[in-house]
Amino acid sequence: SMAEAGALALHREPTDIAELAADSVASFRTQAD
């Protein structure tokens, strides 16, 4: 509801998306195995 209303606060910072994707994949490694 907050996102659709444009009221969601985003705490932006310079981010390496490739590293973020690798961390997300690592957190699902056990479930995938």
PDB file of all heavy atoms in Angstrom:
ATOM      1  N   SER A   1       0.827  -1.208   0.000  1.00  0.00           N
ATOM      2  CA  SER A   1       0.000   0.000   0.000  1.00  0.00           C
ATOM      3  C   SER A   1       0.860   1.255   0.000  1.00  0.00           C
ATOM      4  O   SER A   1       0.550   2.233  -0.696  1.00  0.00           O
ATOM      5  CB  SER A   1      -0.936  -0.005   1.213  1.00  0.00           C
ATOM      6  OG  SER A   1      -0.196   0.003   2.419  1.00  0.00           O
ATOM      7  N   MET A   2       1.963   1.250   0.754  1.00  0.00           N
ATOM      8  CA  MET A   2       2.843   2.417   0.794  1.00  0.00           C
ATOM      9  C   MET A   2       3.543   2.627  -0.540  1.00  0.00           C
ATOM     10  O   MET A   2       3.685   3.762  -1.012  1.00  0.00           O
ATOM     11  CB  MET A   2       3.872   2.267   1.917  1.00  0.00           C
ATOM     12  CG  MET A   2       3.288   2.324   3.322  1.00  0.00           C
ATOM     13  SD  MET A   2       4.556   2.165   4.610  1.00  0.00           S
ATOM     14  CE  MET A   2       5.503   3.667   4.333  1.00  0.00           C
ATOM     15  N   ALA A   3       3.959   1.529  -1.171  1.00  0.00           N
ATOM     16  CA  ALA A   3       4.636   1.649  -2.460  1.00  0.00           C
ATOM     17  C   ALA A   3       3.685   2.169  -3.525  1.00  0.00           C
ATOM     18  O   ALA A   3       4.040   3.043  -4.326  1.00  0.00           O
ATOM     19  CB  ALA A   3       5.216   0.293  -2.866  1.00  0.00           C
ATOM     20  N   GLU A   4       2.464   1.650  -3.555  1.00  0.00           N
ATOM     21  CA  GLU A   4       1.500   2.087  -4.563  1.00  0.00           C
ATOM     22  C   GLU A   4       1.057   3.522  -4.332  1.00  0.00           C
ATOM     23  O   GLU A   4       0.667   4.217  -5.266  1.00  0.00           O
ATOM     24  CB  GLU A   4       0.298   1.146  -4.574  1.00  0.00           C
ATOM     25  CG  GLU A   4       0.628  -0.246  -5.096  1.00  0.00           C
ATOM     26  CD  GLU A   4      -0.586  -1.150  -5.147  1.00  0.00           C
ATOM     27  OE1 GLU A   4      -1.615  -0.794  -4.537  1.00  0.00           O
ATOM     28  OE2 GLU A   4      -0.499  -2.195  -5.806  1.00  0.00           O
ATOM     29  N   ALA A   5       1.087   3.973  -3.074  1.00  0.00           N
ATOM     30  CA  ALA A   5       0.702   5.355  -2.764  1.00  0.00           C
ATOM     31  C   ALA A   5       1.871   6.326  -2.919  1.00  0.00           C
ATOM     32  O   ALA A   5       1.707   7.534  -2.743  1.00  0.00           O
ATOM     33  CB  ALA A   5       0.151   5.436  -1.339  1.00  0.00           C
ATOM     34  N   GLY A   6       3.058   5.810  -3.242  1.00  0.00           N
ATOM     35  CA  GLY A   6       4.231   6.669  -3.383  1.00  0.00           C
ATOM     36  C   GLY A   6       4.769   7.177  -2.067  1.00  0.00           C
ATOM     37  O   GLY A   6       5.510   8.160  -2.025  1.00  0.00           O
ATOM     38  N   ALA A   7       4.384   6.510  -0.950  1.00  0.00           N
ATOM     39  CA  ALA A   7       4.801   6.962   0.378  1.00  0.00           C
ATOM     40  C   ALA A   7       5.890   6.079   0.979  1.00  0.00           C
ATOM     41  O   ALA A   7       6.244   6.260   2.147  1.00  0.00           O
ATOM     42  CB  ALA A   7       3.589   6.988   1.316  1.00  0.00           C
ATOM     43  N   LEU A   8       6.409   5.141   0.205  1.00  0.00           N
ATOM     44  CA  LEU A   8       7.436   4.243   0.722  1.00  0.00           C
ATOM     45  C   LEU A   8       8.787   4.947   0.734  1.00  0.00           C
ATOM     46  O   LEU A   8       9.259   5.431  -0.301  1.00  0.00           O
ATOM     47  CB  LEU A   8       7.514   2.980  -0.147  1.00  0.00           C
ATOM     48  CG  LEU A   8       8.470   1.898   0.325  1.00  0.00           C
ATOM     49  CD1 LEU A   8       7.998   1.311   1.647  1.00  0.00           C
ATOM     50  CD2 LEU A   8       8.591   0.794  -0.720  1.00  0.00           C
ATOM     51  N   ALA A   9       9.395   5.022   1.902  1.00  0.00           N
ATOM     52  CA  ALA A   9      10.695   5.690   2.035  1.00  0.00           C
ATOM     53  C   ALA A   9      11.795   4.762   1.524  1.00  0.00           C
ATOM     54  O   ALA A   9      11.934   3.628   1.994  1.00  0.00           O
ATOM     55  CB  ALA A   9      10.948   6.067   3.489  1.00  0.00           C
ATOM     56  N   LEU A  10      12.562   5.226   0.563  1.00  0.00           N
ATOM     57  CA  LEU A  10      13.684   4.464   0.015  1.00  0.00           C
ATOM     58  C   LEU A  10      14.987   5.055   0.537  1.00  0.00           C
ATOM     59  O   LEU A  10      15.233   6.254   0.390  1.00  0.00           O
ATOM     60  CB  LEU A  10      13.666   4.511  -1.516  1.00  0.00           C
ATOM     61  CG  LEU A  10      12.461   3.876  -2.213  1.00  0.00           C
ATOM     62  CD1 LEU A  10      12.568   4.060  -3.716  1.00  0.00           C
ATOM     63  CD2 LEU A  10      12.339   2.398  -1.858  1.00  0.00           C
ATOM     64  N   HIS A  11      15.787   4.220   1.149  1.00  0.00           N
ATOM     65  CA  HIS A  11      17.087   4.656   1.671  1.00  0.00           C
ATOM     66  C   HIS A  11      18.154   4.313   0.627  1.00  0.00           C
ATOM     67  O   HIS A  11      18.792   3.259   0.670  1.00  0.00           O
ATOM     68  CB  HIS A  11      17.368   3.974   3.012  1.00  0.00           C
ATOM     69  CG  HIS A  11      16.295   4.229   4.039  1.00  0.00           C
ATOM     70  ND1 HIS A  11      16.149   5.442   4.669  1.00  0.00           N
ATOM     71  CD2 HIS A  11      15.298   3.424   4.513  1.00  0.00           C
ATOM     72  CE1 HIS A  11      15.134   5.385   5.516  1.00  0.00           C
ATOM     73  NE2 HIS A  11      14.594   4.175   5.430  1.00  0.00           N
ATOM     74  N   ARG A  12      18.296   5.214  -0.317  1.00  0.00           N
ATOM     75  CA  ARG A  12      19.176   4.959  -1.459  1.00  0.00           C
ATOM     76  C   ARG A  12      20.652   5.118  -1.082  1.00  0.00           C
ATOM     77  O   ARG A  12      21.009   5.980  -0.275  1.00  0.00           O
ATOM     78  CB  ARG A  12      18.836   5.907  -2.607  1.00  0.00           C
ATOM     79  CG  ARG A  12      17.435   5.703  -3.198  1.00  0.00           C
ATOM     80  CD  ARG A  12      17.167   6.747  -4.264  1.00  0.00           C
ATOM     81  NE  ARG A  12      15.856   6.620  -4.872  1.00  0.00           N
ATOM     82  CZ  ARG A  12      15.601   5.942  -5.985  1.00  0.00           C
ATOM     83  NH1 ARG A  12      16.592   5.304  -6.609  1.00  0.00           N
ATOM     84  NH2 ARG A  12      14.390   5.887  -6.476  1.00  0.00           N
ATOM     85  N   GLU A  13      21.448   4.294  -1.718  1.00  0.00           N
ATOM     86  CA  GLU A  13      22.904   4.390  -1.580  1.00  0.00           C
ATOM     87  C   GLU A  13      23.531   3.697  -2.771  1.00  0.00           C
ATOM     88  O   GLU A  13      22.912   2.819  -3.394  1.00  0.00           O
ATOM     89  CB  GLU A  13      23.369   3.740  -0.278  1.00  0.00           C
ATOM     90  CG  GLU A  13      22.994   2.272  -0.151  1.00  0.00           C
ATOM     91  CD  GLU A  13      23.409   1.698   1.196  1.00  0.00           C
ATOM     92  OE1 GLU A  13      22.772   2.045   2.202  1.00  0.00           O
ATOM     93  OE2 GLU A  13      24.376   0.891   1.197  1.00  0.00           O
ATOM     94  N   PRO A  14      24.732   4.103  -3.158  1.00  0.00           N
ATOM     95  CA  PRO A  14      25.399   3.441  -4.289  1.00  0.00           C
ATOM     96  C   PRO A  14      25.547   1.940  -4.014  1.00  0.00           C
ATOM     97  O   PRO A  14      26.079   1.538  -2.976  1.00  0.00           O
ATOM     98  CB  PRO A  14      26.758   4.137  -4.368  1.00  0.00           C
ATOM     99  CG  PRO A  14      26.527   5.457  -3.700  1.00  0.00           C
ATOM    100  CD  PRO A  14      25.526   5.212  -2.617  1.00  0.00           C
ATOM    101  N   THR A  15      25.055   1.126  -4.935  1.00  0.00           N
ATOM    102  CA  THR A  15      24.986  -0.319  -4.699  1.00  0.00           C
ATOM    103  C   THR A  15      25.499  -1.078  -5.909  1.00  0.00           C
ATOM    104  O   THR A  15      25.183  -0.736  -7.059  1.00  0.00           O
ATOM    105  CB  THR A  15      23.535  -0.755  -4.408  1.00  0.00           C
ATOM    106  OG1 THR A  15      23.049  -0.005  -3.284  1.00  0.00           O
ATOM    107  CG2 THR A  15      23.455  -2.234  -4.106  1.00  0.00           C
ATOM    108  N   ASP A  16      26.271  -2.099  -5.642  1.00  0.00           N
ATOM    109  CA  ASP A  16      26.732  -3.025  -6.680  1.00  0.00           C
ATOM    110  C   ASP A  16      25.671  -4.117  -6.820  1.00  0.00           C
ATOM    111  O   ASP A  16      25.556  -5.007  -5.975  1.00  0.00           O
ATOM    112  CB  ASP A  16      28.080  -3.625  -6.284  1.00  0.00           C
ATOM    113  CG  ASP A  16      28.681  -4.483  -7.387  1.00  0.00           C
ATOM    114  OD1 ASP A  16      27.915  -4.966  -8.249  1.00  0.00           O
ATOM    115  OD2 ASP A  16      29.912  -4.688  -7.382  1.00  0.00           O
ATOM    116  N   ILE A  17      24.867  -4.033  -7.886  1.00  0.00           N
ATOM    117  CA  ILE A  17      23.763  -4.974  -8.058  1.00  0.00           C
ATOM    118  C   ILE A  17      24.268  -6.396  -8.277  1.00  0.00           C
ATOM    119  O   ILE A  17      23.640  -7.364  -7.837  1.00  0.00           O
ATOM    120  CB  ILE A  17      22.861  -4.539  -9.227  1.00  0.00           C
ATOM    121  CG1 ILE A  17      22.220  -3.182  -8.919  1.00  0.00           C
ATOM    122  CG2 ILE A  17      21.763  -5.556  -9.478  1.00  0.00           C
ATOM    123  CD1 ILE A  17      21.298  -3.207  -7.726  1.00  0.00           C
ATOM    124  N   ALA A  18      25.412  -6.548  -8.929  1.00  0.00           N
ATOM    125  CA  ALA A  18      25.963  -7.885  -9.135  1.00  0.00           C
ATOM    126  C   ALA A  18      26.291  -8.536  -7.787  1.00  0.00           C
ATOM    127  O   ALA A  18      26.004  -9.720  -7.560  1.00  0.00           O
ATOM    128  CB  ALA A  18      27.213  -7.814 -10.008  1.00  0.00           C
ATOM    129  N   GLU A  19      26.878  -7.761  -6.888  1.00  0.00           N
ATOM    130  CA  GLU A  19      27.186  -8.290  -5.556  1.00  0.00           C
ATOM    131  C   GLU A  19      25.907  -8.569  -4.775  1.00  0.00           C
ATOM    132  O   GLU A  19      25.804  -9.577  -4.074  1.00  0.00           O
ATOM    133  CB  GLU A  19      28.053  -7.284  -4.808  1.00  0.00           C
ATOM    134  CG  GLU A  19      28.485  -7.760  -3.423  1.00  0.00           C
ATOM    135  CD  GLU A  19      29.381  -6.761  -2.730  1.00  0.00           C
ATOM    136  OE1 GLU A  19      29.898  -5.847  -3.405  1.00  0.00           O
ATOM    137  OE2 GLU A  19      29.548  -6.878  -1.497  1.00  0.00           O
ATOM    138  N   LEU A  20      24.928  -7.694  -4.932  1.00  0.00           N
ATOM    139  CA  LEU A  20      23.635  -7.901  -4.258  1.00  0.00           C
ATOM    140  C   LEU A  20      22.967  -9.165  -4.759  1.00  0.00           C
ATOM    141  O   LEU A  20      22.402  -9.945  -3.969  1.00  0.00           O
ATOM    142  CB  LEU A  20      22.734  -6.684  -4.495  1.00  0.00           C
ATOM    143  CG  LEU A  20      21.371  -6.699  -3.801  1.00  0.00           C
ATOM    144  CD1 LEU A  20      21.541  -6.623  -2.289  1.00  0.00           C
ATOM    145  CD2 LEU A  20      20.512  -5.543  -4.293  1.00  0.00           C
ATOM    146  N   ALA A  21      23.023  -9.391  -6.080  1.00  0.00           N
ATOM    147  CA  ALA A  21      22.434 -10.603  -6.648  1.00  0.00           C
ATOM    148  C   ALA A  21      23.158 -11.846  -6.144  1.00  0.00           C
ATOM    149  O   ALA A  21      22.526 -12.865  -5.830  1.00  0.00           O
ATOM    150  CB  ALA A  21      22.479 -10.535  -8.176  1.00  0.00           C
ATOM    151  N   ALA A  22      24.498 -11.781  -6.051  1.00  0.00           N
ATOM    152  CA  ALA A  22      25.264 -12.932  -5.560  1.00  0.00           C
ATOM    153  C   ALA A  22      24.906 -13.243  -4.112  1.00  0.00           C
ATOM    154  O   ALA A  22      24.778 -14.420  -3.731  1.00  0.00           O
ATOM    155  CB  ALA A  22      26.758 -12.646  -5.699  1.00  0.00           C
ATOM    156  N   ASP A  23      24.738 -12.212  -3.287  1.00  0.00           N
ATOM    157  CA  ASP A  23      24.349 -12.433  -1.888  1.00  0.00           C
ATOM    158  C   ASP A  23      22.957 -13.047  -1.794  1.00  0.00           C
ATOM    159  O   ASP A  23      22.715 -13.934  -0.960  1.00  0.00           O
ATOM    160  CB  ASP A  23      24.381 -11.110  -1.126  1.00  0.00           C
ATOM    161  CG  ASP A  23      25.797 -10.576  -0.936  1.00  0.00           C
ATOM    162  OD1 ASP A  23      26.746 -11.375  -1.103  1.00  0.00           O
ATOM    163  OD2 ASP A  23      25.942  -9.373  -0.650  1.00  0.00           O
ATOM    164  N   SER A  24      22.030 -12.578  -2.639  1.00  0.00           N
ATOM    165  CA  SER A  24      20.676 -13.134  -2.625  1.00  0.00           C
ATOM    166  C   SER A  24      20.691 -14.600  -3.043  1.00  0.00           C
ATOM    167  O   SER A  24      19.997 -15.437  -2.447  1.00  0.00           O
ATOM    168  CB  SER A  24      19.769 -12.323  -3.561  1.00  0.00           C
ATOM    169  OG  SER A  24      19.660 -10.983  -3.135  1.00  0.00           O
ATOM    170  N   VAL A  25      21.466 -14.914  -4.061  1.00  0.00           N
ATOM    171  CA  VAL A  25      21.566 -16.308  -4.505  1.00  0.00           C
ATOM    172  C   VAL A  25      22.156 -17.166  -3.397  1.00  0.00           C
ATOM    173  O   VAL A  25      21.686 -18.289  -3.148  1.00  0.00           O
ATOM    174  CB  VAL A  25      22.421 -16.393  -5.788  1.00  0.00           C
ATOM    175  CG1 VAL A  25      22.799 -17.843  -6.082  1.00  0.00           C
ATOM    176  CG2 VAL A  25      21.667 -15.785  -6.958  1.00  0.00           C
ATOM    177  N   ALA A  26      23.178 -16.652  -2.708  1.00  0.00           N
ATOM    178  CA  ALA A  26      23.804 -17.420  -1.628  1.00  0.00           C
ATOM    179  C   ALA A  26      22.809 -17.720  -0.512  1.00  0.00           C
ATOM    180  O   ALA A  26      22.832 -18.807   0.082  1.00  0.00           O
ATOM    181  CB  ALA A  26      25.003 -16.649  -1.078  1.00  0.00           C
ATOM    182  N   SER A  27      21.894 -16.772  -0.228  1.00  0.00           N
ATOM    183  CA  SER A  27      20.928 -17.005   0.845  1.00  0.00           C
ATOM    184  C   SER A  27      19.900 -18.065   0.481  1.00  0.00           C
ATOM    185  O   SER A  27      19.258 -18.644   1.364  1.00  0.00           O
ATOM    186  CB  SER A  27      20.225 -15.684   1.190  1.00  0.00           C
ATOM    187  OG  SER A  27      19.430 -15.245   0.106  1.00  0.00           O
ATOM    188  N   PHE A  28      19.742 -18.350  -0.818  1.00  0.00           N
ATOM    189  CA  PHE A  28      18.788 -19.371  -1.257  1.00  0.00           C
ATOM    190  C   PHE A  28      19.486 -20.677  -1.625  1.00  0.00           C
ATOM    191  O   PHE A  28      18.845 -21.623  -2.081  1.00  0.00           O
ATOM    192  CB  PHE A  28      17.985 -18.869  -2.471  1.00  0.00           C
ATOM    193  CG  PHE A  28      16.838 -17.970  -2.109  1.00  0.00           C
ATOM    194  CD1 PHE A  28      17.021 -16.602  -2.007  1.00  0.00           C
ATOM    195  CD2 PHE A  28      15.577 -18.501  -1.860  1.00  0.00           C
ATOM    196  CE1 PHE A  28      15.973 -15.768  -1.664  1.00  0.00           C
ATOM    197  CE2 PHE A  28      14.513 -17.670  -1.526  1.00  0.00           C
ATOM    198  CZ  PHE A  28      14.705 -16.304  -1.427  1.00  0.00           C
ATOM    199  N   ARG A  29      20.800 -20.747  -1.419  1.00  0.00           N
ATOM    200  CA  ARG A  29      21.554 -21.918  -1.845  1.00  0.00           C
ATOM    201  C   ARG A  29      21.074 -23.183  -1.129  1.00  0.00           C
ATOM    202  O   ARG A  29      20.877 -24.230  -1.758  1.00  0.00           O
ATOM    203  CB  ARG A  29      23.035 -21.704  -1.579  1.00  0.00           C
ATOM    204  CG  ARG A  29      23.941 -22.814  -2.068  1.00  0.00           C
ATOM    205  CD  ARG A  29      24.064 -22.819  -3.564  1.00  0.00           C
ATOM    206  NE  ARG A  29      24.692 -21.589  -4.049  1.00  0.00           N
ATOM    207  CZ  ARG A  29      24.812 -21.302  -5.337  1.00  0.00           C
ATOM    208  NH1 ARG A  29      24.337 -22.143  -6.257  1.00  0.00           N
ATOM    209  NH2 ARG A  29      25.394 -20.172  -5.714  1.00  0.00           N
ATOM    210  N   THR A  30      20.863 -23.102   0.176  1.00  0.00           N
ATOM    211  CA  THR A  30      20.431 -24.285   0.931  1.00  0.00           C
ATOM    212  C   THR A  30      19.066 -24.756   0.464  1.00  0.00           C
ATOM    213  O   THR A  30      18.834 -25.956   0.272  1.00  0.00           O
ATOM    214  CB  THR A  30      20.386 -23.958   2.433  1.00  0.00           C
ATOM    215  OG1 THR A  30      21.688 -23.551   2.867  1.00  0.00           O
ATOM    216  CG2 THR A  30      19.953 -25.179   3.225  1.00  0.00           C
ATOM    217  N   GLN A  31      18.147 -23.806   0.267  1.00  0.00           N
ATOM    218  CA  GLN A  31      16.802 -24.169  -0.195  1.00  0.00           C
ATOM    219  C   GLN A  31      16.854 -24.802  -1.583  1.00  0.00           C
ATOM    220  O   GLN A  31      16.162 -25.802  -1.848  1.00  0.00           O
ATOM    221  CB  GLN A  31      15.911 -22.922  -0.231  1.00  0.00           C
ATOM    222  CG  GLN A  31      14.491 -23.187  -0.719  1.00  0.00           C
ATOM    223  CD  GLN A  31      13.656 -21.918  -0.780  1.00  0.00           C
ATOM    224  OE1 GLN A  31      13.963 -20.934  -0.108  1.00  0.00           O
ATOM    225  NE2 GLN A  31      12.606 -21.936  -1.576  1.00  0.00           N
ATOM    226  N   ALA A  32      17.673 -24.261  -2.450  1.00  0.00           N
ATOM    227  CA  ALA A  32      17.777 -24.804  -3.808  1.00  0.00           C
ATOM    228  C   ALA A  32      18.408 -26.192  -3.799  1.00  0.00           C
ATOM    229  O   ALA A  32      17.965 -27.100  -4.512  1.00  0.00           O
ATOM    230  CB  ALA A  32      18.599 -23.853  -4.683  1.00  0.00           C
ATOM    231  N   ASP A  33      19.445 -26.380  -2.979  1.00  0.00           N
ATOM    232  CA  ASP A  33      20.076 -27.698  -2.898  1.00  0.00           C
ATOM    233  C   ASP A  33      19.084 -28.733  -2.387  1.00  0.00           C
ATOM    234  O   ASP A  33      19.046 -29.878  -2.876  1.00  0.00           O
ATOM    235  CB  ASP A  33      21.296 -27.640  -1.982  1.00  0.00           C
ATOM    236  CG  ASP A  33      22.438 -26.833  -2.591  1.00  0.00           C
ATOM    237  OD1 ASP A  33      22.403 -26.608  -3.823  1.00  0.00           O
ATOM    238  OD2 ASP A  33      23.338 -26.417  -1.838  1.00  0.00           O
TER     239      ASP A  33
END
